[in-house]
């Protein structure tokens, strides 16, 4: 396993991004945060992280659109995408899976549980 997995978090909430990246950082991950869908897509293509954590409600491009773009791009389609959202009705989860999401986590979540979930998807 990569000693310091690279994780890209596409999340517009500063509080959520700070809490989760803090915990992941303590576990040795290198976390980059993008605050909107457009910069998230360009960072994913440039950085090629080991994993992407993606919110659905984002400025500029929704998480659904970001996921679809990443999963149809030759540079990023292999990167696992975990969607983390309060939009957790069955039809929204189904739409996230259709967009290519590898996993779905409902907010609010237990930080320890979610970190364990994240590590299942890292190489």
PDB file of N, CA and C in Angstrom:
ATOM      1  N   UNK A   1       0.835  -1.202   0.000  1.00  0.00           N
ATOM      2  CA  UNK A   1       0.000   0.000   0.000  1.00  0.00           C
ATOM      3  C   UNK A   1       0.867   1.249   0.000  1.00  0.00           C
ATOM      4  N   UNK A   2       0.396   2.208  -0.728  1.00  0.00           N
ATOM      5  CA  UNK A   2       1.077   3.505  -0.787  1.00  0.00           C
ATOM      6  C   UNK A   2       1.186   4.054   0.642  1.00  0.00           C
ATOM      7  N   UNK A   3       2.376   4.459   1.027  1.00  0.00           N
ATOM      8  CA  UNK A   3       2.579   4.929   2.395  1.00  0.00           C
ATOM      9  C   UNK A   3       1.740   6.161   2.727  1.00  0.00           C
ATOM     10  N   UNK A   4       1.659   7.086   1.784  1.00  0.00           N
ATOM     11  CA  UNK A   4       0.869   8.298   1.990  1.00  0.00           C
ATOM     12  C   UNK A   4      -0.132   8.435   0.850  1.00  0.00           C
ATOM     13  N   UNK A   5      -1.305   7.816   0.998  1.00  0.00           N
ATOM     14  CA  UNK A   5      -2.285   7.897  -0.089  1.00  0.00           C
ATOM     15  C   UNK A   5      -2.700   9.344  -0.352  1.00  0.00           C
ATOM     16  N   UNK A   6      -2.896   9.653  -1.633  1.00  0.00           N
ATOM     17  CA  UNK A   6      -3.339  10.989  -2.029  1.00  0.00           C
ATOM     18  C   UNK A   6      -4.855  10.962  -2.171  1.00  0.00           C
ATOM     19  N   UNK A   7      -5.517  11.830  -1.426  1.00  0.00           N
ATOM     20  CA  UNK A   7      -6.968  11.909  -1.468  1.00  0.00           C
ATOM     21  C   UNK A   7      -7.369  13.316  -1.894  1.00  0.00           C
ATOM     22  N   UNK A   8      -8.273  13.373  -2.867  1.00  0.00           N
ATOM     23  CA  UNK A   8      -8.839  14.656  -3.279  1.00  0.00           C
ATOM     24  C   UNK A   8     -10.246  14.736  -2.706  1.00  0.00           C
ATOM     25  N   UNK A   9     -10.495  15.784  -1.923  1.00  0.00           N
ATOM     26  CA  UNK A   9     -11.821  16.004  -1.358  1.00  0.00           C
ATOM     27  C   UNK A   9     -12.448  17.189  -2.081  1.00  0.00           C
ATOM     28  N   UNK A  10     -13.590  16.945  -2.722  1.00  0.00           N
ATOM     29  CA  UNK A  10     -14.303  18.025  -3.408  1.00  0.00           C
ATOM     30  C   UNK A  10     -15.518  18.331  -2.537  1.00  0.00           C
ATOM     31  N   UNK A  11     -15.373  19.372  -1.734  1.00  0.00           N
ATOM     32  CA  UNK A  11     -16.330  19.682  -0.659  1.00  0.00           C
ATOM     33  C   UNK A  11     -16.348  21.184  -0.432  1.00  0.00           C
ATOM     34  N   UNK A  12     -17.530  21.793  -0.482  1.00  0.00           N
ATOM     35  CA  UNK A  12     -17.594  23.252  -0.299  1.00  0.00           C
ATOM     36  C   UNK A  12     -17.707  23.674   1.161  1.00  0.00           C
ATOM     37  N   UNK A  13     -18.011  22.749   2.070  1.00  0.00           N
ATOM     38  CA  UNK A  13     -18.092  23.098   3.488  1.00  0.00           C
ATOM     39  C   UNK A  13     -16.700  23.081   4.119  1.00  0.00           C
ATOM     40  N   UNK A  14     -16.248  24.249   4.577  1.00  0.00           N
ATOM     41  CA  UNK A  14     -14.925  24.334   5.203  1.00  0.00           C
ATOM     42  C   UNK A  14     -14.840  23.463   6.446  1.00  0.00           C
ATOM     43  N   UNK A  15     -15.940  23.418   7.226  1.00  0.00           N
ATOM     44  CA  UNK A  15     -15.942  22.646   8.478  1.00  0.00           C
ATOM     45  C   UNK A  15     -15.782  21.154   8.205  1.00  0.00           C
ATOM     46  N   UNK A  16     -16.566  20.639   7.269  1.00  0.00           N
ATOM     47  CA  UNK A  16     -16.495  19.211   6.943  1.00  0.00           C
ATOM     48  C   UNK A  16     -15.121  18.883   6.374  1.00  0.00           C
ATOM     49  N   UNK A  17     -14.648  19.708   5.449  1.00  0.00           N
ATOM     50  CA  UNK A  17     -13.334  19.468   4.840  1.00  0.00           C
ATOM     51  C   UNK A  17     -12.231  19.471   5.896  1.00  0.00           C
ATOM     52  N   UNK A  18     -12.290  20.420   6.821  1.00  0.00           N
ATOM     53  CA  UNK A  18     -11.255  20.515   7.856  1.00  0.00           C
ATOM     54  C   UNK A  18     -11.291  19.307   8.785  1.00  0.00           C
ATOM     55  N   UNK A  19     -12.485  18.912   9.220  1.00  0.00           N
ATOM     56  CA  UNK A  19     -12.606  17.778  10.154  1.00  0.00           C
ATOM     57  C   UNK A  19     -12.114  16.486   9.513  1.00  0.00           C
ATOM     58  N   UNK A  20     -12.611  16.203   8.312  1.00  0.00           N
ATOM     59  CA  UNK A  20     -12.258  14.944   7.665  1.00  0.00           C
ATOM     60  C   UNK A  20     -10.802  14.926   7.212  1.00  0.00           C
ATOM     61  N   UNK A  21     -10.308  16.029   6.648  1.00  0.00           N
ATOM     62  CA  UNK A  21      -8.909  16.008   6.221  1.00  0.00           C
ATOM     63  C   UNK A  21      -7.976  15.949   7.420  1.00  0.00           C
ATOM     64  N   UNK A  22      -8.391  16.516   8.555  1.00  0.00           N
ATOM     65  CA  UNK A  22      -7.580  16.402   9.767  1.00  0.00           C
ATOM     66  C   UNK A  22      -7.425  14.969  10.209  1.00  0.00           C
ATOM     67  N   UNK A  23      -8.520  14.237  10.251  1.00  0.00           N
ATOM     68  CA  UNK A  23      -8.474  12.826  10.669  1.00  0.00           C
ATOM     69  C   UNK A  23      -7.688  11.985   9.661  1.00  0.00           C
ATOM     70  N   UNK A  24      -7.942  12.210   8.382  1.00  0.00           N
ATOM     71  CA  UNK A  24      -7.216  11.449   7.352  1.00  0.00           C
ATOM     72  C   UNK A  24      -5.725  11.780   7.374  1.00  0.00           C
ATOM     73  N   UNK A  25      -5.402  13.041   7.645  1.00  0.00           N
ATOM     74  CA  UNK A  25      -4.005  13.447   7.743  1.00  0.00           C
ATOM     75  C   UNK A  25      -3.294  12.740   8.890  1.00  0.00           C
ATOM     76  N   UNK A  26      -3.988  12.579  10.013  1.00  0.00           N
ATOM     77  CA  UNK A  26      -3.410  11.857  11.155  1.00  0.00           C
ATOM     78  C   UNK A  26      -3.115  10.404  10.794  1.00  0.00           C
ATOM     79  N   UNK A  27      -3.892   9.855   9.864  1.00  0.00           N
ATOM     80  CA  UNK A  27      -3.679   8.471   9.427  1.00  0.00           C
ATOM     81  C   UNK A  27      -2.658   8.379   8.305  1.00  0.00           C
ATOM     82  N   UNK A  28      -2.058   9.526   7.928  1.00  0.00           N
ATOM     83  CA  UNK A  28      -0.986   9.499   6.941  1.00  0.00           C
ATOM     84  C   UNK A  28      -1.384   9.877   5.525  1.00  0.00           C
ATOM     85  N   UNK A  29      -2.651  10.194   5.303  1.00  0.00           N
ATOM     86  CA  UNK A  29      -3.066  10.567   3.950  1.00  0.00           C
ATOM     87  C   UNK A  29      -2.690  12.013   3.648  1.00  0.00           C
ATOM     88  N   UNK A  30      -2.445  12.276   2.384  1.00  0.00           N
ATOM     89  CA  UNK A  30      -2.207  13.636   1.922  1.00  0.00           C
ATOM     90  C   UNK A  30      -3.511  14.084   1.260  1.00  0.00           C
ATOM     91  N   UNK A  31      -4.174  15.062   1.874  1.00  0.00           N
ATOM     92  CA  UNK A  31      -5.494  15.475   1.409  1.00  0.00           C
ATOM     93  C   UNK A  31      -5.428  16.846   0.749  1.00  0.00           C
ATOM     94  N   UNK A  32      -5.972  16.920  -0.462  1.00  0.00           N
ATOM     95  CA  UNK A  32      -6.121  18.186  -1.181  1.00  0.00           C
ATOM     96  C   UNK A  32      -7.608  18.482  -1.225  1.00  0.00           C
ATOM     97  N   UNK A  33      -7.986  19.736  -1.024  1.00  0.00           N
ATOM     98  CA  UNK A  33      -9.406  20.093  -1.025  1.00  0.00           C
ATOM     99  C   UNK A  33      -9.711  21.050  -2.168  1.00  0.00           C
ATOM    100  N   UNK A  34     -10.775  20.726  -2.900  1.00  0.00           N
ATOM    101  CA  UNK A  34     -11.305  21.645  -3.913  1.00  0.00           C
ATOM    102  C   UNK A  34     -12.672  22.083  -3.407  1.00  0.00           C
ATOM    103  N   UNK A  35     -13.003  23.359  -3.570  1.00  0.00           N
ATOM    104  CA  UNK A  35     -14.252  23.896  -3.027  1.00  0.00           C
ATOM    105  C   UNK A  35     -15.401  23.946  -4.031  1.00  0.00           C
ATOM    106  N   UNK A  36     -15.138  23.599  -5.303  1.00  0.00           N
ATOM    107  CA  UNK A  36     -16.228  23.583  -6.276  1.00  0.00           C
ATOM    108  C   UNK A  36     -15.950  22.496  -7.317  1.00  0.00           C
ATOM    109  N   UNK A  37     -16.973  22.188  -8.085  1.00  0.00           N
ATOM    110  CA  UNK A  37     -16.872  21.098  -9.048  1.00  0.00           C
ATOM    111  C   UNK A  37     -15.843  21.311 -10.138  1.00  0.00           C
ATOM    112  N   UNK A  38     -15.758  22.529 -10.649  1.00  0.00           N
ATOM    113  CA  UNK A  38     -14.833  22.810 -11.752  1.00  0.00           C
ATOM    114  C   UNK A  38     -13.381  22.624 -11.310  1.00  0.00           C
ATOM    115  N   UNK A  39     -13.010  23.211 -10.176  1.00  0.00           N
ATOM    116  CA  UNK A  39     -11.626  23.051  -9.720  1.00  0.00           C
ATOM    117  C   UNK A  39     -11.373  21.606  -9.279  1.00  0.00           C
ATOM    118  N   UNK A  40     -12.413  20.927  -8.796  1.00  0.00           N
ATOM    119  CA  UNK A  40     -12.275  19.515  -8.432  1.00  0.00           C
ATOM    120  C   UNK A  40     -11.889  18.653  -9.620  1.00  0.00           C
ATOM    121  N   UNK A  41     -12.558  18.880 -10.743  1.00  0.00           N
ATOM    122  CA  UNK A  41     -12.252  18.112 -11.962  1.00  0.00           C
ATOM    123  C   UNK A  41     -10.827  18.388 -12.425  1.00  0.00           C
ATOM    124  N   UNK A  42     -10.424  19.666 -12.451  1.00  0.00           N
ATOM    125  CA  UNK A  42      -9.075  19.966 -12.945  1.00  0.00           C
ATOM    126  C   UNK A  42      -8.005  19.436 -11.987  1.00  0.00           C
ATOM    127  N   UNK A  43      -8.252  19.515 -10.678  1.00  0.00           N
ATOM    128  CA  UNK A  43      -7.290  18.947  -9.710  1.00  0.00           C
ATOM    129  C   UNK A  43      -7.181  17.439  -9.864  1.00  0.00           C
ATOM    130  N   UNK A  44      -8.311  16.768 -10.071  1.00  0.00           N
ATOM    131  CA  UNK A  44      -8.295  15.312 -10.237  1.00  0.00           C
ATOM    132  C   UNK A  44      -7.452  14.919 -11.448  1.00  0.00           C
ATOM    133  N   UNK A  45      -7.604  15.659 -12.539  1.00  0.00           N
ATOM    134  CA  UNK A  45      -6.840  15.352 -13.760  1.00  0.00           C
ATOM    135  C   UNK A  45      -5.358  15.638 -13.579  1.00  0.00           C
ATOM    136  N   UNK A  46      -5.051  16.691 -12.827  1.00  0.00           N
ATOM    137  CA  UNK A  46      -3.642  17.077 -12.640  1.00  0.00           C
ATOM    138  C   UNK A  46      -2.951  16.202 -11.588  1.00  0.00           C
ATOM    139  N   UNK A  47      -3.612  15.973 -10.477  1.00  0.00           N
ATOM    140  CA  UNK A  47      -2.980  15.276  -9.348  1.00  0.00           C
ATOM    141  C   UNK A  47      -3.095  13.754  -9.414  1.00  0.00           C
ATOM    142  N   UNK A  48      -4.107  13.244 -10.118  1.00  0.00           N
ATOM    143  CA  UNK A  48      -4.400  11.805 -10.174  1.00  0.00           C
ATOM    144  C   UNK A  48      -4.332  11.163  -8.780  1.00  0.00           C
ATOM    145  N   UNK A  49      -5.252  11.561  -7.895  1.00  0.00           N
ATOM    146  CA  UNK A  49      -5.231  11.031  -6.523  1.00  0.00           C
ATOM    147  C   UNK A  49      -5.584   9.539  -6.481  1.00  0.00           C
ATOM    148  N   UNK A  50      -5.335   8.914  -5.343  1.00  0.00           N
ATOM    149  CA  UNK A  50      -5.683   7.498  -5.150  1.00  0.00           C
ATOM    150  C   UNK A  50      -7.176   7.334  -4.916  1.00  0.00           C
ATOM    151  N   UNK A  51      -7.830   8.413  -4.490  1.00  0.00           N
ATOM    152  CA  UNK A  51      -9.243   8.351  -4.124  1.00  0.00           C
ATOM    153  C   UNK A  51      -9.830   9.758  -4.173  1.00  0.00           C
ATOM    154  N   UNK A  52     -11.123   9.837  -4.523  1.00  0.00           N
ATOM    155  CA  UNK A  52     -11.815  11.126  -4.529  1.00  0.00           C
ATOM    156  C   UNK A  52     -13.025  11.045  -3.612  1.00  0.00           C
ATOM    157  N   UNK A  53     -13.123  12.005  -2.694  1.00  0.00           N
ATOM    158  CA  UNK A  53     -14.300  12.160  -1.835  1.00  0.00           C
ATOM    159  C   UNK A  53     -15.090  13.317  -2.410  1.00  0.00           C
ATOM    160  N   UNK A  54     -16.364  13.083  -2.717  1.00  0.00           N
ATOM    161  CA  UNK A  54     -17.123  14.048  -3.505  1.00  0.00           C
ATOM    162  C   UNK A  54     -18.474  14.357  -2.871  1.00  0.00           C
ATOM    163  N   UNK A  55     -18.705  15.638  -2.629  1.00  0.00           N
ATOM    164  CA  UNK A  55     -20.006  16.111  -2.173  1.00  0.00           C
ATOM    165  C   UNK A  55     -20.892  16.263  -3.410  1.00  0.00           C
ATOM    166  N   UNK A  56     -22.210  16.185  -3.247  1.00  0.00           N
ATOM    167  CA  UNK A  56     -23.105  16.358  -4.395  1.00  0.00           C
ATOM    168  C   UNK A  56     -23.518  17.802  -4.612  1.00  0.00           C
ATOM    169  N   UNK A  57     -23.707  18.540  -3.512  1.00  0.00           N
ATOM    170  CA  UNK A  57     -24.145  19.935  -3.637  1.00  0.00           C
ATOM    171  C   UNK A  57     -22.923  20.848  -3.654  1.00  0.00           C
ATOM    172  N   UNK A  58     -22.509  21.196  -4.857  1.00  0.00           N
ATOM    173  CA  UNK A  58     -21.298  21.995  -5.042  1.00  0.00           C
ATOM    174  C   UNK A  58     -21.582  23.192  -5.939  1.00  0.00           C
ATOM    175  N   UNK A  59     -20.820  24.270  -5.765  1.00  0.00           N
ATOM    176  CA  UNK A  59     -20.927  25.381  -6.716  1.00  0.00           C
ATOM    177  C   UNK A  59     -20.338  24.974  -8.081  1.00  0.00           C
ATOM    178  N   UNK A  60     -20.809  25.617  -9.125  1.00  0.00           N
ATOM    179  CA  UNK A  60     -20.310  25.504 -10.504  1.00  0.00           C
ATOM    180  C   UNK A  60     -20.693  24.211 -11.217  1.00  0.00           C
ATOM    181  N   UNK A  61     -20.391  23.053 -10.658  1.00  0.00           N
ATOM    182  CA  UNK A  61     -20.788  21.761 -11.227  1.00  0.00           C
ATOM    183  C   UNK A  61     -21.277  20.901 -10.080  1.00  0.00           C
ATOM    184  N   UNK A  62     -22.386  20.199 -10.256  1.00  0.00           N
ATOM    185  CA  UNK A  62     -22.859  19.328  -9.172  1.00  0.00           C
ATOM    186  C   UNK A  62     -21.947  18.105  -9.057  1.00  0.00           C
ATOM    187  N   UNK A  63     -22.022  17.444  -7.912  1.00  0.00           N
ATOM    188  CA  UNK A  63     -21.252  16.216  -7.720  1.00  0.00           C
ATOM    189  C   UNK A  63     -21.613  15.147  -8.734  1.00  0.00           C
ATOM    190  N   UNK A  64     -22.892  15.099  -9.134  1.00  0.00           N
ATOM    191  CA  UNK A  64     -23.304  14.130 -10.158  1.00  0.00           C
ATOM    192  C   UNK A  64     -22.534  14.377 -11.454  1.00  0.00           C
ATOM    193  N   UNK A  65     -22.467  15.650 -11.855  1.00  0.00           N
ATOM    194  CA  UNK A  65     -21.762  16.017 -13.091  1.00  0.00           C
ATOM    195  C   UNK A  65     -20.266  15.749 -12.970  1.00  0.00           C
ATOM    196  N   UNK A  66     -19.690  16.105 -11.818  1.00  0.00           N
ATOM    197  CA  UNK A  66     -18.259  15.878 -11.590  1.00  0.00           C
ATOM    198  C   UNK A  66     -17.951  14.388 -11.702  1.00  0.00           C
ATOM    199  N   UNK A  67     -18.757  13.570 -11.058  1.00  0.00           N
ATOM    200  CA  UNK A  67     -18.528  12.125 -11.068  1.00  0.00           C
ATOM    201  C   UNK A  67     -18.587  11.584 -12.498  1.00  0.00           C
ATOM    202  N   UNK A  68     -19.602  12.003 -13.241  1.00  0.00           N
ATOM    203  CA  UNK A  68     -19.763  11.539 -14.630  1.00  0.00           C
ATOM    204  C   UNK A  68     -18.555  11.947 -15.475  1.00  0.00           C
ATOM    205  N   UNK A  69     -18.090  13.192 -15.312  1.00  0.00           N
ATOM    206  CA  UNK A  69     -16.919  13.674 -16.065  1.00  0.00           C
ATOM    207  C   UNK A  69     -15.688  12.828 -15.723  1.00  0.00           C
ATOM    208  N   UNK A  70     -15.452  12.606 -14.429  1.00  0.00           N
ATOM    209  CA  UNK A  70     -14.262  11.864 -13.999  1.00  0.00           C
ATOM    210  C   UNK A  70     -14.304  10.410 -14.454  1.00  0.00           C
ATOM    211  N   UNK A  71     -15.495   9.809 -14.425  1.00  0.00           N
ATOM    212  CA  UNK A  71     -15.613   8.392 -14.767  1.00  0.00           C
ATOM    213  C   UNK A  71     -15.625   8.139 -16.272  1.00  0.00           C
ATOM    214  N   UNK A  72     -15.707   9.213 -17.082  1.00  0.00           N
ATOM    215  CA  UNK A  72     -15.649   9.031 -18.533  1.00  0.00           C
ATOM    216  C   UNK A  72     -14.359   9.603 -19.123  1.00  0.00           C
ATOM    217  N   UNK A  73     -13.448  10.042 -18.266  1.00  0.00           N
ATOM    218  CA  UNK A  73     -12.179  10.607 -18.724  1.00  0.00           C
ATOM    219  C   UNK A  73     -11.077   9.551 -18.607  1.00  0.00           C
ATOM    220  N   UNK A  74     -10.263   9.427 -19.666  1.00  0.00           N
ATOM    221  CA  UNK A  74      -9.191   8.428 -19.675  1.00  0.00           C
ATOM    222  C   UNK A  74      -8.185   8.592 -18.542  1.00  0.00           C
ATOM    223  N   UNK A  75      -7.988   9.830 -18.074  1.00  0.00           N
ATOM    224  CA  UNK A  75      -7.009  10.075 -17.007  1.00  0.00           C
ATOM    225  C   UNK A  75      -7.534   9.683 -15.623  1.00  0.00           C
ATOM    226  N   UNK A  76      -8.856   9.718 -15.445  1.00  0.00           N
ATOM    227  CA  UNK A  76      -9.391   9.609 -14.081  1.00  0.00           C
ATOM    228  C   UNK A  76     -10.400   8.487 -13.861  1.00  0.00           C
ATOM    229  N   UNK A  77     -10.780   7.747 -14.888  1.00  0.00           N
ATOM    230  CA  UNK A  77     -11.874   6.790 -14.728  1.00  0.00           C
ATOM    231  C   UNK A  77     -11.594   5.676 -13.725  1.00  0.00           C
ATOM    232  N   UNK A  78     -10.320   5.363 -13.500  1.00  0.00           N
ATOM    233  CA  UNK A  78      -9.995   4.272 -12.568  1.00  0.00           C
ATOM    234  C   UNK A  78     -10.005   4.706 -11.093  1.00  0.00           C
ATOM    235  N   UNK A  79      -9.992   6.014 -10.837  1.00  0.00           N
ATOM    236  CA  UNK A  79      -9.912   6.509  -9.460  1.00  0.00           C
ATOM    237  C   UNK A  79     -11.244   6.257  -8.750  1.00  0.00           C
ATOM    238  N   UNK A  80     -11.215   5.566  -7.593  1.00  0.00           N
ATOM    239  CA  UNK A  80     -12.472   5.357  -6.864  1.00  0.00           C
ATOM    240  C   UNK A  80     -13.059   6.686  -6.382  1.00  0.00           C
ATOM    241  N   UNK A  81     -14.371   6.802  -6.522  1.00  0.00           N
ATOM    242  CA  UNK A  81     -15.080   8.006  -6.086  1.00  0.00           C
ATOM    243  C   UNK A  81     -16.077   7.611  -5.001  1.00  0.00           C
ATOM    244  N   UNK A  82     -15.934   8.228  -3.837  1.00  0.00           N
ATOM    245  CA  UNK A  82     -16.891   8.034  -2.743  1.00  0.00           C
ATOM    246  C   UNK A  82     -17.693   9.319  -2.616  1.00  0.00           C
ATOM    247  N   UNK A  83     -18.996   9.198  -2.816  1.00  0.00           N
ATOM    248  CA  UNK A  83     -19.863  10.362  -2.667  1.00  0.00           C
ATOM    249  C   UNK A  83     -20.290  10.458  -1.209  1.00  0.00           C
ATOM    250  N   UNK A  84     -20.213  11.678  -0.679  1.00  0.00           N
ATOM    251  CA  UNK A  84     -20.603  11.935   0.705  1.00  0.00           C
ATOM    252  C   UNK A  84     -21.614  13.065   0.674  1.00  0.00           C
ATOM    253  N   UNK A  85     -22.879  12.768   1.030  1.00  0.00           N
ATOM    254  CA  UNK A  85     -23.898  13.794   0.842  1.00  0.00           C
ATOM    255  C   UNK A  85     -25.095  13.620   1.770  1.00  0.00           C
ATOM    256  N   UNK A  86     -25.772  14.741   1.998  1.00  0.00           N
ATOM    257  CA  UNK A  86     -27.060  14.699   2.700  1.00  0.00           C
ATOM    258  C   UNK A  86     -28.175  14.332   1.717  1.00  0.00           C
ATOM    259  N   UNK A  87     -27.891  14.401   0.419  1.00  0.00           N
ATOM    260  CA  UNK A  87     -28.871  13.983  -0.598  1.00  0.00           C
ATOM    261  C   UNK A  87     -28.847  12.457  -0.642  1.00  0.00           C
ATOM    262  N   UNK A  88     -29.555  11.830   0.298  1.00  0.00           N
ATOM    263  CA  UNK A  88     -29.406  10.384   0.452  1.00  0.00           C
ATOM    264  C   UNK A  88     -30.708   9.610   0.280  1.00  0.00           C
ATOM    265  N   UNK A  89     -31.633  10.165  -0.498  1.00  0.00           N
ATOM    266  CA  UNK A  89     -32.839   9.421  -0.837  1.00  0.00           C
ATOM    267  C   UNK A  89     -32.461   8.347  -1.856  1.00  0.00           C
ATOM    268  N   UNK A  90     -33.203   7.234  -1.879  1.00  0.00           N
ATOM    269  CA  UNK A  90     -32.833   6.131  -2.792  1.00  0.00           C
ATOM    270  C   UNK A  90     -32.605   6.568  -4.247  1.00  0.00           C
ATOM    271  N   UNK A  91     -33.430   7.498  -4.740  1.00  0.00           N
ATOM    272  CA  UNK A  91     -33.245   7.917  -6.151  1.00  0.00           C
ATOM    273  C   UNK A  91     -31.960   8.723  -6.332  1.00  0.00           C
ATOM    274  N   UNK A  92     -31.558   9.460  -5.298  1.00  0.00           N
ATOM    275  CA  UNK A  92     -30.313  10.233  -5.395  1.00  0.00           C
ATOM    276  C   UNK A  92     -29.096   9.299  -5.319  1.00  0.00           C
ATOM    277  N   UNK A  93     -29.191   8.291  -4.465  1.00  0.00           N
ATOM    278  CA  UNK A  93     -28.101   7.309  -4.372  1.00  0.00           C
ATOM    279  C   UNK A  93     -27.995   6.551  -5.695  1.00  0.00           C
ATOM    280  N   UNK A  94     -29.137   6.191  -6.274  1.00  0.00           N
ATOM    281  CA  UNK A  94     -29.136   5.493  -7.566  1.00  0.00           C
ATOM    282  C   UNK A  94     -28.520   6.377  -8.648  1.00  0.00           C
ATOM    283  N   UNK A  95     -28.865   7.662  -8.631  1.00  0.00           N
ATOM    284  CA  UNK A  95     -28.314   8.601  -9.612  1.00  0.00           C
ATOM    285  C   UNK A  95     -26.795   8.732  -9.449  1.00  0.00           C
ATOM    286  N   UNK A  96     -26.321   8.722  -8.196  1.00  0.00           N
ATOM    287  CA  UNK A  96     -24.877   8.787  -7.930  1.00  0.00           C
ATOM    288  C   UNK A  96     -24.181   7.545  -8.486  1.00  0.00           C
ATOM    289  N   UNK A  97     -24.784   6.379  -8.285  1.00  0.00           N
ATOM    290  CA  UNK A  97     -24.204   5.123  -8.808  1.00  0.00           C
ATOM    291  C   UNK A  97     -24.188   5.158 -10.338  1.00  0.00           C
ATOM    292  N   UNK A  98     -25.281   5.662 -10.940  1.00  0.00           N
ATOM    293  CA  UNK A  98     -25.346   5.787 -12.405  1.00  0.00           C
ATOM    294  C   UNK A  98     -24.247   6.705 -12.928  1.00  0.00           C
ATOM    295  N   UNK A  99     -23.914   7.734 -12.161  1.00  0.00           N
ATOM    296  CA  UNK A  99     -22.854   8.665 -12.565  1.00  0.00           C
ATOM    297  C   UNK A  99     -21.479   8.021 -12.441  1.00  0.00           C
ATOM    298  N   UNK A 100     -21.410   6.858 -11.774  1.00  0.00           N
ATOM    299  CA  UNK A 100     -20.148   6.136 -11.671  1.00  0.00           C
ATOM    300  C   UNK A 100     -19.558   6.038 -10.280  1.00  0.00           C
ATOM    301  N   UNK A 101     -20.272   6.533  -9.262  1.00  0.00           N
ATOM    302  CA  UNK A 101     -19.741   6.488  -7.894  1.00  0.00           C
ATOM    303  C   UNK A 101     -19.466   5.045  -7.465  1.00  0.00           C
ATOM    304  N   UNK A 102     -18.358   4.867  -6.759  1.00  0.00           N
ATOM    305  CA  UNK A 102     -18.000   3.539  -6.263  1.00  0.00           C
ATOM    306  C   UNK A 102     -18.643   3.237  -4.915  1.00  0.00           C
ATOM    307  N   UNK A 103     -18.994   4.286  -4.183  1.00  0.00           N
ATOM    308  CA  UNK A 103     -19.549   4.102  -2.844  1.00  0.00           C
ATOM    309  C   UNK A 103     -20.304   5.368  -2.468  1.00  0.00           C
ATOM    310  N   UNK A 104     -21.242   5.245  -1.526  1.00  0.00           N
ATOM    311  CA  UNK A 104     -22.037   6.390  -1.090  1.00  0.00           C
ATOM    312  C   UNK A 104     -22.070   6.415   0.430  1.00  0.00           C
ATOM    313  N   UNK A 105     -21.771   7.560   1.020  1.00  0.00           N
ATOM    314  CA  UNK A 105     -21.824   7.739   2.470  1.00  0.00           C
ATOM    315  C   UNK A 105     -22.794   8.885   2.755  1.00  0.00           C
ATOM    316  N   UNK A 106     -23.780   8.627   3.617  1.00  0.00           N
ATOM    317  CA  UNK A 106     -24.741   9.676   3.974  1.00  0.00           C
ATOM    318  C   UNK A 106     -24.162  10.587   5.044  1.00  0.00           C
ATOM    319  N   UNK A 107     -24.399  11.884   4.879  1.00  0.00           N
ATOM    320  CA  UNK A 107     -24.060  12.855   5.919  1.00  0.00           C
ATOM    321  C   UNK A 107     -25.303  13.057   6.775  1.00  0.00           C
ATOM    322  N   UNK A 108     -25.184  13.315   8.051  1.00  0.00           N
ATOM    323  CA  UNK A 108     -23.931  13.334   8.826  1.00  0.00           C
ATOM    324  C   UNK A 108     -23.423  11.910   9.035  1.00  0.00           C
ATOM    325  N   UNK A 109     -22.134  11.780   9.215  1.00  0.00           N
ATOM    326  CA  UNK A 109     -21.542  10.459   9.389  1.00  0.00           C
ATOM    327  C   UNK A 109     -20.646  10.450  10.614  1.00  0.00           C
ATOM    328  N   UNK A 110     -20.345   9.232  11.061  1.00  0.00           N
ATOM    329  CA  UNK A 110     -19.397   9.033  12.154  1.00  0.00           C
ATOM    330  C   UNK A 110     -17.999   9.058  11.526  1.00  0.00           C
ATOM    331  N   UNK A 111     -17.149   9.974  11.976  1.00  0.00           N
ATOM    332  CA  UNK A 111     -15.814  10.134  11.377  1.00  0.00           C
ATOM    333  C   UNK A 111     -15.009   8.838  11.347  1.00  0.00           C
ATOM    334  N   UNK A 112     -15.005   8.086  12.456  1.00  0.00           N
ATOM    335  CA  UNK A 112     -14.216   6.843  12.501  1.00  0.00           C
ATOM    336  C   UNK A 112     -14.730   5.829  11.492  1.00  0.00           C
ATOM    337  N   UNK A 113     -16.056   5.705  11.408  1.00  0.00           N
ATOM    338  CA  UNK A 113     -16.657   4.754  10.472  1.00  0.00           C
ATOM    339  C   UNK A 113     -16.315   5.150   9.045  1.00  0.00           C
ATOM    340  N   UNK A 114     -16.426   6.428   8.750  1.00  0.00           N
ATOM    341  CA  UNK A 114     -16.186   6.887   7.387  1.00  0.00           C
ATOM    342  C   UNK A 114     -14.709   6.743   7.002  1.00  0.00           C
ATOM    343  N   UNK A 115     -13.807   6.963   7.931  1.00  0.00           N
ATOM    344  CA  UNK A 115     -12.378   6.786   7.642  1.00  0.00           C
ATOM    345  C   UNK A 115     -12.093   5.316   7.330  1.00  0.00           C
ATOM    346  N   UNK A 116     -12.711   4.397   8.067  1.00  0.00           N
ATOM    347  CA  UNK A 116     -12.552   2.967   7.765  1.00  0.00           C
ATOM    348  C   UNK A 116     -13.070   2.652   6.363  1.00  0.00           C
ATOM    349  N   UNK A 117     -14.220   3.219   6.005  1.00  0.00           N
ATOM    350  CA  UNK A 117     -14.789   3.015   4.666  1.00  0.00           C
ATOM    351  C   UNK A 117     -13.822   3.525   3.595  1.00  0.00           C
ATOM    352  N   UNK A 118     -13.285   4.705   3.821  1.00  0.00           N
ATOM    353  CA  UNK A 118     -12.369   5.315   2.856  1.00  0.00           C
ATOM    354  C   UNK A 118     -11.159   4.406   2.628  1.00  0.00           C
ATOM    355  N   UNK A 119     -10.597   3.879   3.705  1.00  0.00           N
ATOM    356  CA  UNK A 119      -9.390   3.067   3.582  1.00  0.00           C
ATOM    357  C   UNK A 119      -9.628   1.746   2.858  1.00  0.00           C
ATOM    358  N   UNK A 120     -10.877   1.284   2.795  1.00  0.00           N
ATOM    359  CA  UNK A 120     -11.194   0.066   2.028  1.00  0.00           C
ATOM    360  C   UNK A 120     -10.974   0.298   0.532  1.00  0.00           C
ATOM    361  N   UNK A 121     -11.045   1.547   0.100  1.00  0.00           N
ATOM    362  CA  UNK A 121     -10.929   1.858  -1.317  1.00  0.00           C
ATOM    363  C   UNK A 121      -9.524   2.304  -1.743  1.00  0.00           C
ATOM    364  N   UNK A 122      -8.623   2.418  -0.783  1.00  0.00           N
ATOM    365  CA  UNK A 122      -7.272   2.866  -1.127  1.00  0.00           C
ATOM    366  C   UNK A 122      -6.408   1.671  -1.551  1.00  0.00           C
ATOM    367  N   UNK A 123      -5.491   1.904  -2.481  1.00  0.00           N
ATOM    368  CA  UNK A 123      -4.641   0.800  -2.982  1.00  0.00           C
ATOM    369  C   UNK A 123      -3.727   0.246  -1.897  1.00  0.00           C
TER     370      UNK A 123
END
